[in-house]
Amino acid sequence: MAVKIKSPREISIMREAGKILAEVHDQLKDILAPGISTWEINRKGDELIRKKKCIPSFLNYNDYPASICVSLNDEVVHAIPSKKHRLFEGDVVSIDIGVIYNGYHSDSARSYGIGKIDKETERLIRITKESFYKGIEHARAGNHLHDISAAIQDYVEENGFSVVRDLVGHGIGQSLHEDPQVPNFKQTGRGMKLRPGMTLAVEPMVNAGTWEVWILEDDWTVVTKDGANSAHYENTILITEGEPELLSINGGK
């Protein structure tokens, strides 16, 4: 496993990439409302990314045909935007975005309720986000990678939800996906030691029902096997000598 330790110059570029990505998320959130199509969300996201002199990480990545992943309700990740698919009151929508800035990627995801949502969906979105923060409490130099994984799974399951096992987080830098893989569930052993300069995309994907998933016939869209709702929360983080820096959140915390 060849894990790339980023130099101060590389970290500076990735910090700016993350800042831009956070701004794109904030601006895209403002257009989410009943009636808008997932295609329109993708179109607007692509426009925002390019206005900020970045390139969409996802467009044409392994032939993915869009710039933004927009996943609704039982769609876990990688749903393909469409003019036919529109947001409705009560939906949960997950927006996954990647940008390339000066040759370096940043990757993050957010889940939102549309209009008035039921309490269980609201709790699913909240627990998914909180599980990310529980995981990165362990994202310190000298700790082990899979301590992050175990903390995410423990928190999710304590709250009655399940963690997807077929998809994981990842290292990130000049490539969208680098070593190491970052599971959201317990592994045999504690994994590699974390070192300053590592950059990771930590991304819990949490289901209201079973953790099991299907991939639809488009070969991209991952859905829950039982049709229950799913939520997704992700940030690009930097391992430091102290607390991790959240590169895809403005202010780093």
C-alpha atoms as a PDB file:
ATOM      1  CA  MET A   1       0.000   0.000   0.000  1.00  0.00           C
ATOM      2  CA  ALA A   2       1.604   3.245  -1.181  1.00  0.00           C
ATOM      3  CA  VAL A   3       0.171   6.046   0.954  1.00  0.00           C
ATOM      4  CA  LYS A   4       1.210   9.504  -0.217  1.00  0.00           C
ATOM      5  CA  ILE A   5       2.313  12.006   2.421  1.00  0.00           C
ATOM      6  CA  LYS A   6       1.555  15.493   1.171  1.00  0.00           C
ATOM      7  CA  SER A   7       4.138  18.285   1.241  1.00  0.00           C
ATOM      8  CA  PRO A   8       3.315  21.753   2.655  1.00  0.00           C
ATOM      9  CA  ARG A   9       2.875  22.990  -0.938  1.00  0.00           C
ATOM     10  CA  GLU A  10       0.442  20.192  -1.760  1.00  0.00           C
ATOM     11  CA  ILE A  11      -1.485  20.776   1.467  1.00  0.00           C
ATOM     12  CA  SER A  12      -1.815  24.445   0.610  1.00  0.00           C
ATOM     13  CA  ILE A  13      -3.344  23.569  -2.777  1.00  0.00           C
ATOM     14  CA  MET A  14      -5.693  20.997  -1.234  1.00  0.00           C
ATOM     15  CA  ARG A  15      -6.738  23.513   1.401  1.00  0.00           C
ATOM     16  CA  GLU A  16      -7.780  25.918  -1.352  1.00  0.00           C
ATOM     17  CA  ALA A  17      -9.539  23.123  -3.255  1.00  0.00           C
ATOM     18  CA  GLY A  18     -11.502  22.277  -0.114  1.00  0.00           C
ATOM     19  CA  LYS A  19     -12.417  25.913   0.463  1.00  0.00           C
ATOM     20  CA  ILE A  20     -13.808  26.140  -3.064  1.00  0.00           C
ATOM     21  CA  LEU A  21     -15.699  22.869  -2.632  1.00  0.00           C
ATOM     22  CA  ALA A  22     -17.296  24.110   0.599  1.00  0.00           C
ATOM     23  CA  GLU A  23     -18.464  27.232  -1.234  1.00  0.00           C
ATOM     24  CA  VAL A  24     -19.999  25.123  -4.016  1.00  0.00           C
ATOM     25  CA  HIS A  25     -21.928  23.057  -1.460  1.00  0.00           C
ATOM     26  CA  ASP A  26     -23.188  26.183   0.296  1.00  0.00           C
ATOM     27  CA  GLN A  27     -24.397  27.738  -2.951  1.00  0.00           C
ATOM     28  CA  LEU A  28     -25.928  24.536  -4.283  1.00  0.00           C
ATOM     29  CA  LYS A  29     -27.846  23.973  -1.050  1.00  0.00           C
ATOM     30  CA  ASP A  30     -29.761  27.202  -1.691  1.00  0.00           C
ATOM     31  CA  ILE A  31     -31.462  25.837  -4.825  1.00  0.00           C
ATOM     32  CA  LEU A  32     -32.728  22.603  -3.251  1.00  0.00           C
ATOM     33  CA  ALA A  33     -36.536  22.730  -3.176  1.00  0.00           C
ATOM     34  CA  PRO A  34     -39.537  20.635  -4.212  1.00  0.00           C
ATOM     35  CA  GLY A  35     -39.874  20.493  -7.995  1.00  0.00           C
ATOM     36  CA  ILE A  36     -36.248  20.909  -9.016  1.00  0.00           C
ATOM     37  CA  SER A  37     -34.813  18.063 -11.083  1.00  0.00           C
ATOM     38  CA  THR A  38     -31.607  16.258 -10.180  1.00  0.00           C
ATOM     39  CA  TRP A  39     -30.351  17.216 -13.658  1.00  0.00           C
ATOM     40  CA  GLU A  40     -30.793  20.913 -12.828  1.00  0.00           C
ATOM     41  CA  ILE A  41     -28.865  20.430  -9.568  1.00  0.00           C
ATOM     42  CA  ASN A  42     -26.053  18.844 -11.580  1.00  0.00           C
ATOM     43  CA  ARG A  43     -26.128  21.634 -14.176  1.00  0.00           C
ATOM     44  CA  LYS A  44     -25.912  24.330 -11.524  1.00  0.00           C
ATOM     45  CA  GLY A  45     -23.148  22.461  -9.662  1.00  0.00           C
ATOM     46  CA  ASP A  46     -21.084  22.134 -12.816  1.00  0.00           C
ATOM     47  CA  GLU A  47     -21.524  25.851 -13.501  1.00  0.00           C
ATOM     48  CA  LEU A  48     -20.398  26.797  -9.965  1.00  0.00           C
ATOM     49  CA  ILE A  49     -17.333  24.554 -10.128  1.00  0.00           C
ATOM     50  CA  ARG A  50     -16.200  25.973 -13.459  1.00  0.00           C
ATOM     51  CA  LYS A  51     -16.820  29.581 -12.361  1.00  0.00           C
ATOM     52  CA  LYS A  52     -14.334  28.934  -9.565  1.00  0.00           C
ATOM     53  CA  LYS A  53     -11.717  27.813 -12.108  1.00  0.00           C
ATOM     54  CA  CYS A  54     -11.965  24.165 -11.082  1.00  0.00           C
ATOM     55  CA  ILE A  55     -12.751  20.940 -12.925  1.00  0.00           C
ATOM     56  CA  PRO A  56     -15.493  18.514 -11.767  1.00  0.00           C
ATOM     57  CA  SER A  57     -13.729  15.419 -10.395  1.00  0.00           C
ATOM     58  CA  PHE A  58     -16.565  13.062 -11.247  1.00  0.00           C
ATOM     59  CA  LEU A  59     -17.382  13.957 -14.842  1.00  0.00           C
ATOM     60  CA  ASN A  60     -16.188  11.069 -17.081  1.00  0.00           C
ATOM     61  CA  TYR A  61     -14.454   9.384 -14.112  1.00  0.00           C
ATOM     62  CA  ASN A  62     -14.729   5.718 -15.117  1.00  0.00           C
ATOM     63  CA  ASP A  63     -17.350   6.989 -17.601  1.00  0.00           C
ATOM     64  CA  TYR A  64     -19.628   8.555 -14.960  1.00  0.00           C
ATOM     65  CA  PRO A  65     -21.741  10.923 -17.094  1.00  0.00           C
ATOM     66  CA  ALA A  66     -22.306  13.857 -14.699  1.00  0.00           C
ATOM     67  CA  SER A  67     -20.446  16.387 -12.559  1.00  0.00           C
ATOM     68  CA  ILE A  68     -22.452  15.910  -9.351  1.00  0.00           C
ATOM     69  CA  CYS A  69     -23.859  12.748  -7.744  1.00  0.00           C
ATOM     70  CA  VAL A  70     -27.435  13.492  -6.657  1.00  0.00           C
ATOM     71  CA  SER A  71     -28.992  10.574  -4.759  1.00  0.00           C
ATOM     72  CA  LEU A  72     -32.597  10.476  -3.505  1.00  0.00           C
ATOM     73  CA  ASN A  73     -34.137   8.524  -0.623  1.00  0.00           C
ATOM     74  CA  ASP A  74     -33.115   4.854  -1.040  1.00  0.00           C
ATOM     75  CA  GLU A  75     -30.298   5.811  -3.435  1.00  0.00           C
ATOM     76  CA  VAL A  76     -27.130   5.553  -1.356  1.00  0.00           C
ATOM     77  CA  VAL A  77     -24.569   7.056  -3.739  1.00  0.00           C
ATOM     78  CA  HIS A  78     -23.628   7.536  -7.410  1.00  0.00           C
ATOM     79  CA  ALA A  79     -27.129   8.188  -8.738  1.00  0.00           C
ATOM     80  CA  ILE A  80     -27.034   9.758 -12.197  1.00  0.00           C
ATOM     81  CA  PRO A  81     -28.844  13.106 -12.468  1.00  0.00           C
ATOM     82  CA  SER A  82     -31.902  13.111 -14.699  1.00  0.00           C
ATOM     83  CA  LYS A  83     -34.554  15.551 -15.932  1.00  0.00           C
ATOM     84  CA  LYS A  84     -37.150  12.920 -14.962  1.00  0.00           C
ATOM     85  CA  HIS A  85     -36.159  12.780 -11.290  1.00  0.00           C
ATOM     86  CA  ARG A  86     -37.448  15.671  -9.210  1.00  0.00           C
ATOM     87  CA  LEU A  87     -37.288  16.530  -5.535  1.00  0.00           C
ATOM     88  CA  PHE A  88     -40.482  16.232  -3.496  1.00  0.00           C
ATOM     89  CA  GLU A  89     -41.464  17.406  -0.045  1.00  0.00           C
ATOM     90  CA  GLY A  90     -40.182  14.891   2.520  1.00  0.00           C
ATOM     91  CA  ASP A  91     -37.322  13.557   0.380  1.00  0.00           C
ATOM     92  CA  VAL A  92     -33.777  13.090   1.588  1.00  0.00           C
ATOM     93  CA  VAL A  93     -31.208  14.126  -1.031  1.00  0.00           C
ATOM     94  CA  SER A  94     -27.481  13.400  -0.873  1.00  0.00           C
ATOM     95  CA  ILE A  95     -25.176  15.704  -2.831  1.00  0.00           C
ATOM     96  CA  ASP A  96     -21.674  14.327  -3.483  1.00  0.00           C
ATOM     97  CA  ILE A  97     -19.210  16.704  -5.162  1.00  0.00           C
ATOM     98  CA  GLY A  98     -15.552  16.559  -6.146  1.00  0.00           C
ATOM     99  CA  VAL A  99     -13.397  19.342  -7.573  1.00  0.00           C
ATOM    100  CA  ILE A 100      -9.927  19.478  -9.090  1.00  0.00           C
ATOM    101  CA  TYR A 101      -7.929  22.611  -8.331  1.00  0.00           C
ATOM    102  CA  ASN A 102      -4.383  22.967  -9.706  1.00  0.00           C
ATOM    103  CA  GLY A 103      -4.182  19.199 -10.154  1.00  0.00           C
ATOM    104  CA  TYR A 104      -5.471  18.191  -6.694  1.00  0.00           C
ATOM    105  CA  HIS A 105      -8.864  16.800  -5.690  1.00  0.00           C
ATOM    106  CA  SER A 106     -11.214  17.583  -2.842  1.00  0.00           C
ATOM    107  CA  ASP A 107     -14.284  15.425  -2.197  1.00  0.00           C
ATOM    108  CA  SER A 108     -17.244  15.915   0.146  1.00  0.00           C
ATOM    109  CA  ALA A 109     -20.906  14.984   0.516  1.00  0.00           C
ATOM    110  CA  ARG A 110     -23.932  16.329   2.373  1.00  0.00           C
ATOM    111  CA  SER A 111     -27.469  15.048   2.927  1.00  0.00           C
ATOM    112  CA  TYR A 112     -30.507  17.315   3.278  1.00  0.00           C
ATOM    113  CA  GLY A 113     -34.204  16.968   3.969  1.00  0.00           C
ATOM    114  CA  ILE A 114     -36.477  18.654   1.438  1.00  0.00           C
ATOM    115  CA  GLY A 115     -39.215  20.746   3.017  1.00  0.00           C
ATOM    116  CA  LYS A 116     -40.832  19.108   6.027  1.00  0.00           C
ATOM    117  CA  ILE A 117     -39.378  15.648   6.683  1.00  0.00           C
ATOM    118  CA  ASP A 118     -40.404  13.017   9.212  1.00  0.00           C
ATOM    119  CA  LYS A 119     -38.512  12.734  12.495  1.00  0.00           C
ATOM    120  CA  GLU A 120     -36.825   9.441  11.610  1.00  0.00           C
ATOM    121  CA  THR A 121     -35.421  10.849   8.366  1.00  0.00           C
ATOM    122  CA  GLU A 122     -34.237  13.925  10.250  1.00  0.00           C
ATOM    123  CA  ARG A 123     -32.531  11.648  12.785  1.00  0.00           C
ATOM    124  CA  LEU A 124     -30.927   9.563  10.005  1.00  0.00           C
ATOM    125  CA  ILE A 125     -29.336  12.675   8.484  1.00  0.00           C
ATOM    126  CA  ARG A 126     -28.143  13.893  11.888  1.00  0.00           C
ATOM    127  CA  ILE A 127     -26.687  10.579  13.040  1.00  0.00           C
ATOM    128  CA  THR A 128     -24.856  10.160   9.729  1.00  0.00           C
ATOM    129  CA  LYS A 129     -23.141  13.527  10.174  1.00  0.00           C
ATOM    130  CA  GLU A 130     -22.415  12.881  13.846  1.00  0.00           C
ATOM    131  CA  SER A 131     -20.875   9.486  13.022  1.00  0.00           C
ATOM    132  CA  PHE A 132     -18.313  11.244  10.835  1.00  0.00           C
ATOM    133  CA  TYR A 133     -17.264  13.404  13.778  1.00  0.00           C
ATOM    134  CA  LYS A 134     -17.160  10.393  16.103  1.00  0.00           C
ATOM    135  CA  GLY A 135     -14.826   8.707  13.619  1.00  0.00           C
ATOM    136  CA  ILE A 136     -12.437  11.597  13.182  1.00  0.00           C
ATOM    137  CA  GLU A 137     -11.979  11.923  16.944  1.00  0.00           C
ATOM    138  CA  HIS A 138      -9.473   9.116  16.260  1.00  0.00           C
ATOM    139  CA  ALA A 139      -7.921  10.759  13.166  1.00  0.00           C
ATOM    140  CA  ARG A 140      -4.693  11.783  14.869  1.00  0.00           C
ATOM    141  CA  ALA A 141      -1.077  10.970  14.105  1.00  0.00           C
ATOM    142  CA  GLY A 142      -0.048   7.824  15.972  1.00  0.00           C
ATOM    143  CA  ASN A 143      -3.572   6.419  16.081  1.00  0.00           C
ATOM    144  CA  HIS A 144      -4.693   3.676  13.718  1.00  0.00           C
ATOM    145  CA  LEU A 145      -6.830   3.961  10.598  1.00  0.00           C
ATOM    146  CA  HIS A 146      -9.381   1.359  11.593  1.00  0.00           C
ATOM    147  CA  ASP A 147     -10.055   3.096  14.906  1.00  0.00           C
ATOM    148  CA  ILE A 148     -11.918   5.627  12.742  1.00  0.00           C
ATOM    149  CA  SER A 149     -13.891   2.806  11.114  1.00  0.00           C
ATOM    150  CA  ALA A 150     -14.910   1.173  14.393  1.00  0.00           C
ATOM    151  CA  ALA A 151     -16.022   4.445  15.961  1.00  0.00           C
ATOM    152  CA  ILE A 152     -18.289   5.222  12.995  1.00  0.00           C
ATOM    153  CA  GLN A 153     -19.948   1.804  13.036  1.00  0.00           C
ATOM    154  CA  ASP A 154     -20.385   1.766  16.819  1.00  0.00           C
ATOM    155  CA  TYR A 155     -22.111   5.151  16.843  1.00  0.00           C
ATOM    156  CA  VAL A 156     -24.378   4.343  13.908  1.00  0.00           C
ATOM    157  CA  GLU A 157     -25.494   1.001  15.323  1.00  0.00           C
ATOM    158  CA  GLU A 158     -25.978   2.408  18.826  1.00  0.00           C
ATOM    159  CA  ASN A 159     -28.559   4.666  17.222  1.00  0.00           C
ATOM    160  CA  GLY A 160     -30.400   1.894  15.416  1.00  0.00           C
ATOM    161  CA  PHE A 161     -29.099   2.431  11.880  1.00  0.00           C
ATOM    162  CA  SER A 162     -26.671   0.451   9.703  1.00  0.00           C
ATOM    163  CA  VAL A 163     -23.437   1.242   7.864  1.00  0.00           C
ATOM    164  CA  VAL A 164     -23.013   0.281   4.207  1.00  0.00           C
ATOM    165  CA  ARG A 165     -20.245  -2.342   3.897  1.00  0.00           C
ATOM    166  CA  ASP A 166     -19.762  -2.453   0.113  1.00  0.00           C
ATOM    167  CA  LEU A 167     -18.413   1.102  -0.198  1.00  0.00           C
ATOM    168  CA  VAL A 168     -15.617   2.855   1.691  1.00  0.00           C
ATOM    169  CA  GLY A 169     -13.765   6.143   2.028  1.00  0.00           C
ATOM    170  CA  HIS A 170     -10.321   6.632   0.535  1.00  0.00           C
ATOM    171  CA  GLY A 171      -7.092   8.523   0.340  1.00  0.00           C
ATOM    172  CA  ILE A 172      -7.162  11.557  -1.931  1.00  0.00           C
ATOM    173  CA  GLY A 173      -4.731  13.960  -3.598  1.00  0.00           C
ATOM    174  CA  GLN A 174      -3.583  14.123  -7.205  1.00  0.00           C
ATOM    175  CA  SER A 175      -5.914  11.158  -7.741  1.00  0.00           C
ATOM    176  CA  LEU A 176      -9.523  11.103  -6.602  1.00  0.00           C
ATOM    177  CA  HIS A 177      -9.000   7.669  -5.073  1.00  0.00           C
ATOM    178  CA  GLU A 178      -5.641   6.881  -3.473  1.00  0.00           C
ATOM    179  CA  ASP A 179      -4.522   4.434  -0.797  1.00  0.00           C
ATOM    180  CA  PRO A 180      -5.586   3.734   1.866  1.00  0.00           C
ATOM    181  CA  GLN A 181      -9.181   2.565   1.819  1.00  0.00           C
ATOM    182  CA  VAL A 182     -11.116   4.003   4.784  1.00  0.00           C
ATOM    183  CA  PRO A 183     -13.932   1.617   5.780  1.00  0.00           C
ATOM    184  CA  ASN A 184     -16.867   2.821   7.880  1.00  0.00           C
ATOM    185  CA  PHE A 185     -17.136  -0.520   9.674  1.00  0.00           C
ATOM    186  CA  LYS A 186     -14.920  -2.635  11.921  1.00  0.00           C
ATOM    187  CA  GLN A 187     -11.956  -4.495  10.487  1.00  0.00           C
ATOM    188  CA  THR A 188      -9.731  -7.307  11.700  1.00  0.00           C
ATOM    189  CA  GLY A 189      -6.871  -5.436  13.360  1.00  0.00           C
ATOM    190  CA  ARG A 190      -6.450  -1.703  13.850  1.00  0.00           C
ATOM    191  CA  GLY A 191      -4.915  -0.971  10.469  1.00  0.00           C
ATOM    192  CA  MET A 192      -2.013   1.284   9.565  1.00  0.00           C
ATOM    193  CA  LYS A 193      -0.727   4.067  11.779  1.00  0.00           C
ATOM    194  CA  LEU A 194      -1.815   7.547  10.794  1.00  0.00           C
ATOM    195  CA  ARG A 195       0.927  10.038   9.926  1.00  0.00           C
ATOM    196  CA  PRO A 196       0.939  13.806   9.495  1.00  0.00           C
ATOM    197  CA  GLY A 197       0.445  14.777   5.858  1.00  0.00           C
ATOM    198  CA  MET A 198      -2.031  12.013   5.041  1.00  0.00           C
ATOM    199  CA  THR A 199      -5.174  13.258   3.299  1.00  0.00           C
ATOM    200  CA  LEU A 200      -8.295  11.116   3.559  1.00  0.00           C
ATOM    201  CA  ALA A 201     -11.912  11.266   2.414  1.00  0.00           C
ATOM    202  CA  VAL A 202     -13.928   9.908   5.344  1.00  0.00           C
ATOM    203  CA  GLU A 203     -17.536   9.242   4.303  1.00  0.00           C
ATOM    204  CA  PRO A 204     -20.112   7.345   6.331  1.00  0.00           C
ATOM    205  CA  MET A 205     -23.001   6.007   4.248  1.00  0.00           C
ATOM    206  CA  VAL A 206     -25.803   5.107   6.643  1.00  0.00           C
ATOM    207  CA  ASN A 207     -29.065   3.260   5.988  1.00  0.00           C
ATOM    208  CA  ALA A 208     -32.309   3.361   7.947  1.00  0.00           C
ATOM    209  CA  GLY A 209     -32.735  -0.381   7.392  1.00  0.00           C
ATOM    210  CA  THR A 210     -30.355  -3.122   6.304  1.00  0.00           C
ATOM    211  CA  TRP A 211     -26.765  -2.300   5.359  1.00  0.00           C
ATOM    212  CA  GLU A 212     -27.135  -4.387   2.196  1.00  0.00           C
ATOM    213  CA  VAL A 213     -27.277  -2.630  -1.179  1.00  0.00           C
ATOM    214  CA  TRP A 214     -27.894  -3.246  -4.889  1.00  0.00           C
ATOM    215  CA  ILE A 215     -26.442  -1.580  -7.977  1.00  0.00           C
ATOM    216  CA  LEU A 216     -29.057  -0.664 -10.586  1.00  0.00           C
ATOM    217  CA  GLU A 217     -28.866  -1.490 -14.278  1.00  0.00           C
ATOM    218  CA  ASP A 218     -27.128   1.807 -15.057  1.00  0.00           C
ATOM    219  CA  ASP A 219     -24.072   0.240 -13.314  1.00  0.00           C
ATOM    220  CA  TRP A 220     -23.737   3.308 -11.078  1.00  0.00           C
ATOM    221  CA  THR A 221     -26.696   3.942  -8.805  1.00  0.00           C
ATOM    222  CA  VAL A 222     -26.355   2.144  -5.468  1.00  0.00           C
ATOM    223  CA  VAL A 223     -29.671   1.612  -3.637  1.00  0.00           C
ATOM    224  CA  THR A 224     -30.642   0.037  -0.338  1.00  0.00           C
ATOM    225  CA  LYS A 225     -31.723  -3.567  -0.693  1.00  0.00           C
ATOM    226  CA  ASP A 226     -34.862  -3.056   1.393  1.00  0.00           C
ATOM    227  CA  GLY A 227     -35.857   0.315  -0.066  1.00  0.00           C
ATOM    228  CA  ALA A 228     -35.177   2.214   3.180  1.00  0.00           C
ATOM    229  CA  ASN A 229     -33.729   5.721   3.120  1.00  0.00           C
ATOM    230  CA  SER A 230     -29.990   6.388   3.177  1.00  0.00           C
ATOM    231  CA  ALA A 231     -27.809   9.392   4.068  1.00  0.00           C
ATOM    232  CA  HIS A 232     -24.206  10.313   3.260  1.00  0.00           C
ATOM    233  CA  TYR A 233     -21.747  12.704   4.898  1.00  0.00           C
ATOM    234  CA  GLU A 234     -18.154  13.193   3.760  1.00  0.00           C
ATOM    235  CA  ASN A 235     -15.184  15.505   4.135  1.00  0.00           C
ATOM    236  CA  THR A 236     -11.604  15.572   2.927  1.00  0.00           C
ATOM    237  CA  ILE A 237      -9.401  15.702   6.022  1.00  0.00           C
ATOM    238  CA  LEU A 238      -5.716  16.251   6.756  1.00  0.00           C
ATOM    239  CA  ILE A 239      -3.894  14.286   9.449  1.00  0.00           C
ATOM    240  CA  THR A 240      -1.782  16.660  11.543  1.00  0.00           C
ATOM    241  CA  GLU A 241       0.246  16.421  14.762  1.00  0.00           C
ATOM    242  CA  GLY A 242      -2.931  17.392  16.633  1.00  0.00           C
ATOM    243  CA  GLU A 243      -6.597  17.475  15.660  1.00  0.00           C
ATOM    244  CA  PRO A 244      -7.390  16.679  12.019  1.00  0.00           C
ATOM    245  CA  GLU A 245      -7.994  19.609   9.705  1.00  0.00           C
ATOM    246  CA  LEU A 246     -11.222  19.426   7.720  1.00  0.00           C
ATOM    247  CA  LEU A 247     -10.109  20.692   4.337  1.00  0.00           C
ATOM    248  CA  SER A 248     -13.606  20.735   2.796  1.00  0.00           C
ATOM    249  CA  ILE A 249     -15.166  22.871   5.531  1.00  0.00           C
ATOM    250  CA  ASN A 250     -14.284  26.558   5.593  1.00  0.00           C
ATOM    251  CA  GLY A 251     -12.442  27.212   8.834  1.00  0.00           C
ATOM    252  CA  GLY A 252     -11.144  23.621   8.972  1.00  0.00           C
ATOM    253  CA  LYS A 253     -13.396  22.444  11.835  1.00  0.00           C
END
